[in-house]
Amino acid sequence: METSKTRQGIHKSRGGLIRSFVATENGIIKDITISGDFFLLPEEALFKIIERLKGVPANREKLQEIIEEIYEKENIQSPGTTPSDFTESIMKALEV
C-alpha cells in the first residue's frame, strides 16, 4: 500500500504563478491545495475546483476534463490562466 505524501508543483501561466500541493494514495488524489498570484472569478471558483478534485484518479486526462467541466459550469473567468495551466501545475506535483 502506497503511503500518502504531499508534493509540490509550480507552473507559471501568463496570468500568474500556480502552486499546487497534492497528496495521493494508491493513485487517487486525497488532498490538494492550489495557490498563487492568478485571478479567478467568481472568487469561490478555486474552492470548487479543489473540492471536486479530491478522490479522483491522479492522471492528466481526468484532471483536465474535471477542471474544464468546472470552468464551464461555474462560468469561470481567469485572465491569462486556463484549465490546462492548473492541470500542468498539478501534474508537476505528481511527477516528482
N, C-alpha and C. Protein backbone atom coordinates (compact mmCIF):
# COMPACT_ATOMS: atom_id res chain seq x y z
N MET A 1 0.84 -1.19 0.00
CA MET A 1 0.00 0.00 0.00
C MET A 1 0.88 1.25 0.00
N GLU A 2 0.61 2.14 -0.91
CA GLU A 2 1.35 3.40 -1.01
C GLU A 2 0.92 4.33 0.11
N THR A 3 1.91 4.94 0.76
CA THR A 3 1.56 5.90 1.80
C THR A 3 1.32 7.25 1.16
N SER A 4 0.51 8.06 1.81
CA SER A 4 0.17 9.37 1.29
C SER A 4 1.35 10.33 1.51
N LYS A 5 1.76 11.01 0.46
CA LYS A 5 2.79 12.03 0.58
C LYS A 5 2.39 13.25 -0.23
N THR A 6 2.67 14.41 0.32
CA THR A 6 2.32 15.65 -0.34
C THR A 6 3.50 16.15 -1.14
N ARG A 7 3.23 16.51 -2.38
CA ARG A 7 4.28 17.02 -3.27
C ARG A 7 3.83 18.35 -3.85
N GLN A 8 4.81 19.17 -4.22
CA GLN A 8 4.53 20.49 -4.75
C GLN A 8 4.82 20.56 -6.24
N GLY A 9 3.95 21.24 -6.96
CA GLY A 9 4.18 21.52 -8.37
C GLY A 9 3.96 23.01 -8.62
N ILE A 10 4.85 23.61 -9.39
CA ILE A 10 4.73 25.04 -9.70
C ILE A 10 4.72 25.22 -11.21
N HIS A 11 3.75 26.00 -11.68
CA HIS A 11 3.64 26.29 -13.12
C HIS A 11 3.38 27.77 -13.29
N LYS A 12 4.09 28.41 -14.20
CA LYS A 12 3.90 29.83 -14.48
C LYS A 12 3.01 29.98 -15.71
N SER A 13 1.81 30.50 -15.50
CA SER A 13 0.91 30.78 -16.62
C SER A 13 1.06 32.25 -17.00
N ARG A 14 0.46 32.64 -18.10
CA ARG A 14 0.50 34.06 -18.48
C ARG A 14 -0.17 34.92 -17.41
N GLY A 15 -1.14 34.34 -16.69
CA GLY A 15 -1.89 35.08 -15.69
C GLY A 15 -1.30 35.05 -14.29
N GLY A 16 -0.21 34.30 -14.12
CA GLY A 16 0.42 34.25 -12.80
C GLY A 16 0.92 32.87 -12.45
N LEU A 17 1.55 32.80 -11.30
CA LEU A 17 2.12 31.55 -10.81
C LEU A 17 1.03 30.69 -10.16
N ILE A 18 1.04 29.39 -10.47
CA ILE A 18 0.10 28.45 -9.86
C ILE A 18 0.92 27.42 -9.09
N ARG A 19 0.66 27.33 -7.80
CA ARG A 19 1.39 26.39 -6.93
C ARG A 19 0.38 25.36 -6.42
N SER A 20 0.69 24.09 -6.67
CA SER A 20 -0.19 23.01 -6.23
C SER A 20 0.53 22.13 -5.23
N PHE A 21 -0.16 21.78 -4.16
CA PHE A 21 0.31 20.79 -3.20
C PHE A 21 -0.67 19.64 -3.29
N VAL A 22 -0.16 18.46 -3.65
CA VAL A 22 -1.03 17.31 -3.90
C VAL A 22 -0.58 16.11 -3.09
N ALA A 23 -1.53 15.49 -2.38
CA ALA A 23 -1.28 14.24 -1.66
C ALA A 23 -2.08 13.15 -2.35
N THR A 24 -1.40 12.05 -2.70
CA THR A 24 -2.08 10.93 -3.34
C THR A 24 -1.91 9.67 -2.52
N GLU A 25 -2.82 8.76 -2.73
CA GLU A 25 -2.73 7.45 -2.11
C GLU A 25 -3.30 6.45 -3.11
N ASN A 26 -2.47 5.47 -3.49
CA ASN A 26 -2.87 4.47 -4.47
C ASN A 26 -3.40 5.08 -5.77
N GLY A 27 -2.75 6.16 -6.21
CA GLY A 27 -3.11 6.79 -7.49
C GLY A 27 -4.33 7.69 -7.45
N ILE A 28 -4.84 7.95 -6.25
CA ILE A 28 -6.02 8.80 -6.09
C ILE A 28 -5.62 10.06 -5.32
N ILE A 29 -6.14 11.22 -5.74
CA ILE A 29 -5.86 12.47 -5.04
C ILE A 29 -6.64 12.46 -3.72
N LYS A 30 -5.90 12.49 -2.62
CA LYS A 30 -6.51 12.50 -1.29
C LYS A 30 -6.72 13.93 -0.79
N ASP A 31 -5.74 14.78 -1.07
CA ASP A 31 -5.84 16.17 -0.64
C ASP A 31 -5.11 17.04 -1.64
N ILE A 32 -5.60 18.25 -1.84
CA ILE A 32 -4.98 19.16 -2.80
C ILE A 32 -5.21 20.60 -2.34
N THR A 33 -4.19 21.40 -2.50
CA THR A 33 -4.26 22.83 -2.23
C THR A 33 -3.67 23.55 -3.44
N ILE A 34 -4.32 24.59 -3.90
CA ILE A 34 -3.83 25.37 -5.03
C ILE A 34 -3.78 26.83 -4.59
N SER A 35 -2.63 27.46 -4.84
CA SER A 35 -2.49 28.88 -4.51
C SER A 35 -1.63 29.54 -5.58
N GLY A 36 -1.46 30.84 -5.47
CA GLY A 36 -0.63 31.56 -6.42
C GLY A 36 -1.10 32.99 -6.58
N ASP A 37 -0.57 33.64 -7.63
CA ASP A 37 -0.92 35.05 -7.85
C ASP A 37 -1.75 35.23 -9.11
N PHE A 38 -2.57 34.26 -9.43
CA PHE A 38 -3.50 34.32 -10.56
C PHE A 38 -4.85 34.83 -10.05
N PHE A 39 -5.75 35.19 -10.99
CA PHE A 39 -7.08 35.66 -10.62
C PHE A 39 -8.14 34.73 -11.18
N LEU A 40 -9.12 34.39 -10.35
CA LEU A 40 -10.27 33.59 -10.77
C LEU A 40 -11.53 34.29 -10.32
N LEU A 41 -12.49 34.37 -11.20
CA LEU A 41 -13.81 34.88 -10.86
C LEU A 41 -14.84 33.86 -11.31
N PRO A 42 -15.86 33.54 -10.52
CA PRO A 42 -16.11 34.07 -9.18
C PRO A 42 -15.05 33.61 -8.18
N GLU A 43 -14.95 34.33 -7.08
CA GLU A 43 -13.90 34.09 -6.08
C GLU A 43 -13.93 32.67 -5.52
N GLU A 44 -15.13 32.09 -5.37
CA GLU A 44 -15.23 30.75 -4.79
C GLU A 44 -14.88 29.65 -5.79
N ALA A 45 -14.59 30.00 -7.03
CA ALA A 45 -14.30 29.02 -8.07
C ALA A 45 -13.13 28.10 -7.70
N LEU A 46 -12.09 28.66 -7.11
CA LEU A 46 -10.92 27.85 -6.76
C LEU A 46 -11.29 26.77 -5.74
N PHE A 47 -12.15 27.11 -4.78
CA PHE A 47 -12.59 26.13 -3.77
C PHE A 47 -13.39 25.00 -4.44
N LYS A 48 -14.18 25.35 -5.43
CA LYS A 48 -14.97 24.33 -6.13
C LYS A 48 -14.05 23.39 -6.91
N ILE A 49 -13.01 23.93 -7.54
CA ILE A 49 -12.05 23.10 -8.27
C ILE A 49 -11.36 22.14 -7.29
N ILE A 50 -10.86 22.68 -6.18
CA ILE A 50 -10.14 21.88 -5.20
C ILE A 50 -11.02 20.75 -4.66
N GLU A 51 -12.24 21.08 -4.25
CA GLU A 51 -13.13 20.06 -3.68
C GLU A 51 -13.46 18.98 -4.69
N ARG A 52 -13.66 19.36 -5.93
CA ARG A 52 -14.05 18.39 -6.97
C ARG A 52 -12.90 17.44 -7.32
N LEU A 53 -11.65 17.88 -7.14
CA LEU A 53 -10.50 17.05 -7.50
C LEU A 53 -10.15 16.00 -6.44
N LYS A 54 -10.66 16.16 -5.24
CA LYS A 54 -10.38 15.17 -4.19
C LYS A 54 -11.10 13.87 -4.51
N GLY A 55 -10.34 12.77 -4.45
CA GLY A 55 -10.92 11.46 -4.70
C GLY A 55 -10.90 11.01 -6.15
N VAL A 56 -10.30 11.81 -7.04
CA VAL A 56 -10.25 11.42 -8.45
C VAL A 56 -8.88 10.82 -8.79
N PRO A 57 -8.82 10.01 -9.84
CA PRO A 57 -7.54 9.45 -10.27
C PRO A 57 -6.55 10.55 -10.64
N ALA A 58 -5.30 10.34 -10.25
CA ALA A 58 -4.26 11.34 -10.49
C ALA A 58 -3.67 11.16 -11.89
N ASN A 59 -4.49 11.43 -12.92
CA ASN A 59 -3.94 11.39 -14.28
C ASN A 59 -4.37 12.62 -15.06
N ARG A 60 -3.53 13.01 -16.00
CA ARG A 60 -3.69 14.27 -16.73
C ARG A 60 -5.06 14.39 -17.41
N GLU A 61 -5.50 13.36 -18.10
CA GLU A 61 -6.75 13.44 -18.85
C GLU A 61 -7.95 13.68 -17.93
N LYS A 62 -7.99 12.94 -16.82
CA LYS A 62 -9.12 13.09 -15.89
C LYS A 62 -9.10 14.47 -15.23
N LEU A 63 -7.92 14.93 -14.81
CA LEU A 63 -7.82 16.25 -14.18
C LEU A 63 -8.26 17.34 -15.15
N GLN A 64 -7.78 17.28 -16.38
CA GLN A 64 -8.12 18.28 -17.39
C GLN A 64 -9.63 18.30 -17.63
N GLU A 65 -10.22 17.12 -17.75
CA GLU A 65 -11.66 17.00 -18.01
C GLU A 65 -12.47 17.64 -16.87
N ILE A 66 -12.11 17.34 -15.64
CA ILE A 66 -12.84 17.86 -14.48
C ILE A 66 -12.69 19.38 -14.38
N ILE A 67 -11.48 19.89 -14.54
CA ILE A 67 -11.26 21.33 -14.44
C ILE A 67 -12.02 22.07 -15.54
N GLU A 68 -12.01 21.53 -16.75
CA GLU A 68 -12.77 22.16 -17.85
C GLU A 68 -14.27 22.16 -17.56
N GLU A 69 -14.78 21.05 -16.99
CA GLU A 69 -16.20 20.98 -16.62
C GLU A 69 -16.56 22.07 -15.61
N ILE A 70 -15.71 22.26 -14.60
CA ILE A 70 -15.98 23.27 -13.57
C ILE A 70 -15.92 24.67 -14.18
N TYR A 71 -14.93 24.92 -15.04
CA TYR A 71 -14.84 26.22 -15.72
C TYR A 71 -16.15 26.54 -16.44
N GLU A 72 -16.67 25.55 -17.18
CA GLU A 72 -17.89 25.76 -17.94
C GLU A 72 -19.10 25.93 -17.03
N LYS A 73 -19.25 25.04 -16.07
CA LYS A 73 -20.41 25.06 -15.17
C LYS A 73 -20.47 26.34 -14.34
N GLU A 74 -19.31 26.80 -13.86
CA GLU A 74 -19.26 27.97 -12.98
C GLU A 74 -19.00 29.27 -13.73
N ASN A 75 -18.85 29.17 -15.06
CA ASN A 75 -18.56 30.34 -15.89
C ASN A 75 -17.34 31.10 -15.35
N ILE A 76 -16.26 30.36 -15.12
CA ILE A 76 -15.05 30.93 -14.53
C ILE A 76 -14.32 31.83 -15.52
N GLN A 77 -13.91 32.97 -15.02
CA GLN A 77 -13.08 33.90 -15.78
C GLN A 77 -11.71 33.92 -15.10
N SER A 78 -10.65 33.71 -15.88
CA SER A 78 -9.30 33.69 -15.31
C SER A 78 -8.33 34.25 -16.34
N PRO A 79 -8.17 35.58 -16.36
CA PRO A 79 -7.31 36.22 -17.37
C PRO A 79 -5.90 35.64 -17.39
N GLY A 80 -5.51 35.10 -18.55
CA GLY A 80 -4.15 34.58 -18.72
C GLY A 80 -3.92 33.21 -18.14
N THR A 81 -4.95 32.60 -17.56
CA THR A 81 -4.81 31.27 -16.95
C THR A 81 -5.93 30.37 -17.46
N THR A 82 -5.57 29.16 -17.90
CA THR A 82 -6.53 28.24 -18.48
C THR A 82 -6.62 26.96 -17.64
N PRO A 83 -7.63 26.13 -17.89
CA PRO A 83 -7.68 24.83 -17.21
C PRO A 83 -6.38 24.04 -17.41
N SER A 84 -5.78 24.14 -18.58
CA SER A 84 -4.52 23.43 -18.85
C SER A 84 -3.41 23.87 -17.92
N ASP A 85 -3.40 25.14 -17.55
CA ASP A 85 -2.37 25.65 -16.63
C ASP A 85 -2.51 25.01 -15.25
N PHE A 86 -3.75 24.86 -14.78
CA PHE A 86 -3.96 24.20 -13.49
C PHE A 86 -3.56 22.73 -13.57
N THR A 87 -3.95 22.08 -14.66
CA THR A 87 -3.57 20.68 -14.86
C THR A 87 -2.06 20.52 -14.85
N GLU A 88 -1.36 21.42 -15.52
CA GLU A 88 0.11 21.34 -15.60
C GLU A 88 0.73 21.48 -14.21
N SER A 89 0.25 22.40 -13.41
CA SER A 89 0.77 22.60 -12.06
C SER A 89 0.57 21.33 -11.22
N ILE A 90 -0.61 20.74 -11.32
CA ILE A 90 -0.90 19.52 -10.56
C ILE A 90 -0.04 18.37 -11.05
N MET A 91 0.12 18.24 -12.36
CA MET A 91 0.93 17.16 -12.91
C MET A 91 2.40 17.29 -12.49
N LYS A 92 2.90 18.50 -12.39
CA LYS A 92 4.28 18.70 -11.93
C LYS A 92 4.45 18.19 -10.51
N ALA A 93 3.41 18.37 -9.68
CA ALA A 93 3.47 17.84 -8.32
C ALA A 93 3.45 16.31 -8.33
N LEU A 94 2.70 15.74 -9.24
CA LEU A 94 2.55 14.29 -9.30
C LEU A 94 3.79 13.60 -9.89
N GLU A 95 4.54 14.32 -10.72
CA GLU A 95 5.67 13.72 -11.41
C GLU A 95 6.96 13.72 -10.61
N VAL A 96 6.98 14.39 -9.48
CA VAL A 96 8.21 14.50 -8.68
C VAL A 96 8.64 13.14 -8.17
